[in-house]
Protein backbone atom coordinates (compact mmCIF):
# COMPACT_ATOMS: atom_id res chain seq x y z
CA UNK A 1 0.00 0.00 0.00
CA UNK A 2 1.30 3.44 -0.88
CA UNK A 3 1.90 6.03 1.83
CA UNK A 4 -0.66 8.74 2.50
CA UNK A 5 0.58 12.16 1.46
CA UNK A 6 -0.87 15.40 2.81
CA UNK A 7 -0.90 18.44 0.53
CA UNK A 8 -1.54 21.96 1.84
CA UNK A 9 -2.72 24.76 -0.45
CA UNK A 10 -3.76 28.27 0.47
CA UNK A 11 -6.20 30.16 -1.75
CA UNK A 12 -7.21 33.81 -1.71
CA UNK A 13 -9.30 35.45 -4.45
CA UNK A 14 -8.29 32.95 -7.13
CA UNK A 15 -11.75 32.17 -8.48
CA UNK A 16 -10.40 32.42 -12.03
CA UNK A 17 -7.87 29.60 -11.38
CA UNK A 18 -9.35 27.54 -8.54
CA UNK A 19 -11.30 25.00 -10.56
CA UNK A 20 -8.33 24.35 -12.84
CA UNK A 21 -6.08 23.93 -9.79
CA UNK A 22 -8.46 21.45 -8.15
CA UNK A 23 -8.93 19.43 -11.32
CA UNK A 24 -5.17 19.27 -11.84
CA UNK A 25 -4.47 17.98 -8.34
CA UNK A 26 -7.33 15.47 -8.47
CA UNK A 27 -6.07 14.13 -11.82
CA UNK A 28 -2.66 13.11 -10.44
CA UNK A 29 -1.78 9.46 -10.89
CA UNK A 30 -0.84 9.12 -7.21
CA UNK A 31 -4.21 8.85 -5.51
CA UNK A 32 -3.42 8.14 -1.84
CA UNK A 33 -3.45 11.73 -0.63
CA UNK A 34 -5.45 14.13 1.44
CA UNK A 35 -5.61 17.76 0.48
CA UNK A 36 -5.92 20.48 3.09
CA UNK A 37 -7.30 23.35 1.06
CA UNK A 38 -7.25 26.62 2.99
CA UNK A 39 -9.62 29.35 1.84
CA UNK A 40 -8.20 32.57 3.27
CA UNK A 41 -11.22 34.88 3.42
CA UNK A 42 -11.73 35.38 -0.30
CA UNK A 43 -14.17 38.00 -1.52
CA UNK A 44 -14.77 36.40 -4.92
CA UNK A 45 -16.19 32.92 -5.68
CA UNK A 46 -13.17 30.95 -4.47
CA UNK A 47 -14.94 29.67 -1.35
CA UNK A 48 -17.91 28.33 -3.29
CA UNK A 49 -15.69 26.46 -5.74
CA UNK A 50 -13.72 24.86 -2.91
CA UNK A 51 -16.91 23.94 -1.07
CA UNK A 52 -18.33 22.31 -4.20
CA UNK A 53 -15.30 20.10 -4.77
CA UNK A 54 -14.84 19.27 -1.08
CA UNK A 55 -18.37 17.86 -1.10
CA UNK A 56 -17.55 15.74 -4.16
CA UNK A 57 -14.29 14.21 -2.92
CA UNK A 58 -13.55 13.33 0.70
CA UNK A 59 -9.80 13.67 0.14
CA UNK A 60 -10.32 17.44 0.09
CA UNK A 61 -10.43 18.83 3.63
CA UNK A 62 -11.42 22.48 3.42
CA UNK A 63 -10.62 25.05 6.10
CA UNK A 64 -12.29 28.45 5.77
CA UNK A 65 -11.23 31.76 7.28
CA UNK A 66 -13.82 34.56 7.41
CA UNK A 67 -11.21 37.26 6.91
CA UNK A 68 -8.00 37.32 4.93
CA UNK A 69 -5.17 36.54 7.32
CA UNK A 70 -2.19 38.56 6.22
CA UNK A 71 -0.17 37.86 9.34
CA UNK A 72 1.58 34.86 7.81
CA UNK A 73 -0.07 32.42 10.19
CA UNK A 74 -2.70 30.99 7.87
CA UNK A 75 -0.82 27.79 7.12
CA UNK A 76 0.19 27.43 10.78
CA UNK A 77 -3.43 27.77 11.92
CA UNK A 78 -4.56 25.26 9.29
CA UNK A 79 -1.85 22.76 10.25
CA UNK A 80 -2.90 23.08 13.90
CA UNK A 81 -6.54 22.50 12.88
CA UNK A 82 -5.55 19.44 10.82
CA UNK A 83 -3.38 18.01 13.61
CA UNK A 84 -6.23 18.32 16.11
CA UNK A 85 -8.56 16.48 13.71
CA UNK A 86 -6.00 13.71 13.23
CA UNK A 87 -5.46 13.28 16.98
CA UNK A 88 -9.13 13.26 17.86
C-alpha atoms as a PDB file:
ATOM      1  CA  UNK A   1       0.000   0.000   0.000  1.00  0.00           C
ATOM      2  CA  UNK A   2       1.302   3.440  -0.877  1.00  0.00           C
ATOM      3  CA  UNK A   3       1.898   6.026   1.829  1.00  0.00           C
ATOM      4  CA  UNK A   4      -0.660   8.745   2.504  1.00  0.00           C
ATOM      5  CA  UNK A   5       0.582  12.162   1.462  1.00  0.00           C
ATOM      6  CA  UNK A   6      -0.866  15.404   2.813  1.00  0.00           C
ATOM      7  CA  UNK A   7      -0.899  18.435   0.525  1.00  0.00           C
ATOM      8  CA  UNK A   8      -1.540  21.955   1.838  1.00  0.00           C
ATOM      9  CA  UNK A   9      -2.717  24.759  -0.450  1.00  0.00           C
ATOM     10  CA  UNK A  10      -3.759  28.274   0.472  1.00  0.00           C
ATOM     11  CA  UNK A  11      -6.203  30.156  -1.750  1.00  0.00           C
ATOM     12  CA  UNK A  12      -7.215  33.812  -1.709  1.00  0.00           C
ATOM     13  CA  UNK A  13      -9.303  35.445  -4.451  1.00  0.00           C
ATOM     14  CA  UNK A  14      -8.291  32.949  -7.135  1.00  0.00           C
ATOM     15  CA  UNK A  15     -11.747  32.172  -8.476  1.00  0.00           C
ATOM     16  CA  UNK A  16     -10.400  32.418 -12.028  1.00  0.00           C
ATOM     17  CA  UNK A  17      -7.874  29.603 -11.382  1.00  0.00           C
ATOM     18  CA  UNK A  18      -9.352  27.542  -8.536  1.00  0.00           C
ATOM     19  CA  UNK A  19     -11.305  24.998 -10.558  1.00  0.00           C
ATOM     20  CA  UNK A  20      -8.331  24.350 -12.839  1.00  0.00           C
ATOM     21  CA  UNK A  21      -6.083  23.932  -9.788  1.00  0.00           C
ATOM     22  CA  UNK A  22      -8.458  21.448  -8.153  1.00  0.00           C
ATOM     23  CA  UNK A  23      -8.930  19.430 -11.320  1.00  0.00           C
ATOM     24  CA  UNK A  24      -5.171  19.275 -11.844  1.00  0.00           C
ATOM     25  CA  UNK A  25      -4.466  17.982  -8.338  1.00  0.00           C
ATOM     26  CA  UNK A  26      -7.327  15.474  -8.469  1.00  0.00           C
ATOM     27  CA  UNK A  27      -6.069  14.130 -11.818  1.00  0.00           C
ATOM     28  CA  UNK A  28      -2.661  13.111 -10.442  1.00  0.00           C
ATOM     29  CA  UNK A  29      -1.775   9.465 -10.891  1.00  0.00           C
ATOM     30  CA  UNK A  30      -0.841   9.124  -7.208  1.00  0.00           C
ATOM     31  CA  UNK A  31      -4.214   8.851  -5.511  1.00  0.00           C
ATOM     32  CA  UNK A  32      -3.417   8.142  -1.844  1.00  0.00           C
ATOM     33  CA  UNK A  33      -3.445  11.733  -0.630  1.00  0.00           C
ATOM     34  CA  UNK A  34      -5.455  14.129   1.438  1.00  0.00           C
ATOM     35  CA  UNK A  35      -5.606  17.763   0.480  1.00  0.00           C
ATOM     36  CA  UNK A  36      -5.922  20.479   3.092  1.00  0.00           C
ATOM     37  CA  UNK A  37      -7.301  23.354   1.063  1.00  0.00           C
ATOM     38  CA  UNK A  38      -7.249  26.621   2.985  1.00  0.00           C
ATOM     39  CA  UNK A  39      -9.621  29.354   1.840  1.00  0.00           C
ATOM     40  CA  UNK A  40      -8.200  32.565   3.268  1.00  0.00           C
ATOM     41  CA  UNK A  41     -11.221  34.884   3.421  1.00  0.00           C
ATOM     42  CA  UNK A  42     -11.726  35.382  -0.301  1.00  0.00           C
ATOM     43  CA  UNK A  43     -14.172  38.003  -1.518  1.00  0.00           C
ATOM     44  CA  UNK A  44     -14.771  36.401  -4.919  1.00  0.00           C
ATOM     45  CA  UNK A  45     -16.192  32.925  -5.684  1.00  0.00           C
ATOM     46  CA  UNK A  46     -13.170  30.946  -4.472  1.00  0.00           C
ATOM     47  CA  UNK A  47     -14.939  29.671  -1.347  1.00  0.00           C
ATOM     48  CA  UNK A  48     -17.914  28.333  -3.291  1.00  0.00           C
ATOM     49  CA  UNK A  49     -15.695  26.462  -5.742  1.00  0.00           C
ATOM     50  CA  UNK A  50     -13.721  24.863  -2.911  1.00  0.00           C
ATOM     51  CA  UNK A  51     -16.914  23.939  -1.072  1.00  0.00           C
ATOM     52  CA  UNK A  52     -18.334  22.307  -4.203  1.00  0.00           C
ATOM     53  CA  UNK A  53     -15.298  20.097  -4.768  1.00  0.00           C
ATOM     54  CA  UNK A  54     -14.843  19.272  -1.077  1.00  0.00           C
ATOM     55  CA  UNK A  55     -18.372  17.857  -1.103  1.00  0.00           C
ATOM     56  CA  UNK A  56     -17.546  15.737  -4.158  1.00  0.00           C
ATOM     57  CA  UNK A  57     -14.286  14.214  -2.919  1.00  0.00           C
ATOM     58  CA  UNK A  58     -13.554  13.331   0.698  1.00  0.00           C
ATOM     59  CA  UNK A  59      -9.797  13.666   0.136  1.00  0.00           C
ATOM     60  CA  UNK A  60     -10.319  17.443   0.092  1.00  0.00           C
ATOM     61  CA  UNK A  61     -10.433  18.835   3.627  1.00  0.00           C
ATOM     62  CA  UNK A  62     -11.417  22.485   3.421  1.00  0.00           C
ATOM     63  CA  UNK A  63     -10.622  25.048   6.102  1.00  0.00           C
ATOM     64  CA  UNK A  64     -12.287  28.445   5.766  1.00  0.00           C
ATOM     65  CA  UNK A  65     -11.234  31.756   7.284  1.00  0.00           C
ATOM     66  CA  UNK A  66     -13.824  34.556   7.415  1.00  0.00           C
ATOM     67  CA  UNK A  67     -11.208  37.263   6.912  1.00  0.00           C
ATOM     68  CA  UNK A  68      -8.002  37.317   4.932  1.00  0.00           C
ATOM     69  CA  UNK A  69      -5.175  36.545   7.317  1.00  0.00           C
ATOM     70  CA  UNK A  70      -2.191  38.563   6.216  1.00  0.00           C
ATOM     71  CA  UNK A  71      -0.168  37.863   9.345  1.00  0.00           C
ATOM     72  CA  UNK A  72       1.578  34.858   7.813  1.00  0.00           C
ATOM     73  CA  UNK A  73      -0.069  32.422  10.189  1.00  0.00           C
ATOM     74  CA  UNK A  74      -2.702  30.994   7.868  1.00  0.00           C
ATOM     75  CA  UNK A  75      -0.816  27.793   7.116  1.00  0.00           C
ATOM     76  CA  UNK A  76       0.192  27.433  10.777  1.00  0.00           C
ATOM     77  CA  UNK A  77      -3.428  27.766  11.917  1.00  0.00           C
ATOM     78  CA  UNK A  78      -4.558  25.260   9.288  1.00  0.00           C
ATOM     79  CA  UNK A  79      -1.850  22.757  10.249  1.00  0.00           C
ATOM     80  CA  UNK A  80      -2.897  23.082  13.905  1.00  0.00           C
ATOM     81  CA  UNK A  81      -6.539  22.505  12.879  1.00  0.00           C
ATOM     82  CA  UNK A  82      -5.546  19.442  10.822  1.00  0.00           C
ATOM     83  CA  UNK A  83      -3.382  18.013  13.615  1.00  0.00           C
ATOM     84  CA  UNK A  84      -6.233  18.319  16.106  1.00  0.00           C
ATOM     85  CA  UNK A  85      -8.560  16.478  13.707  1.00  0.00           C
ATOM     86  CA  UNK A  86      -5.999  13.711  13.228  1.00  0.00           C
ATOM     87  CA  UNK A  87      -5.464  13.285  16.978  1.00  0.00           C
ATOM     88  CA  UNK A  88      -9.131  13.262  17.857  1.00  0.00           C
END
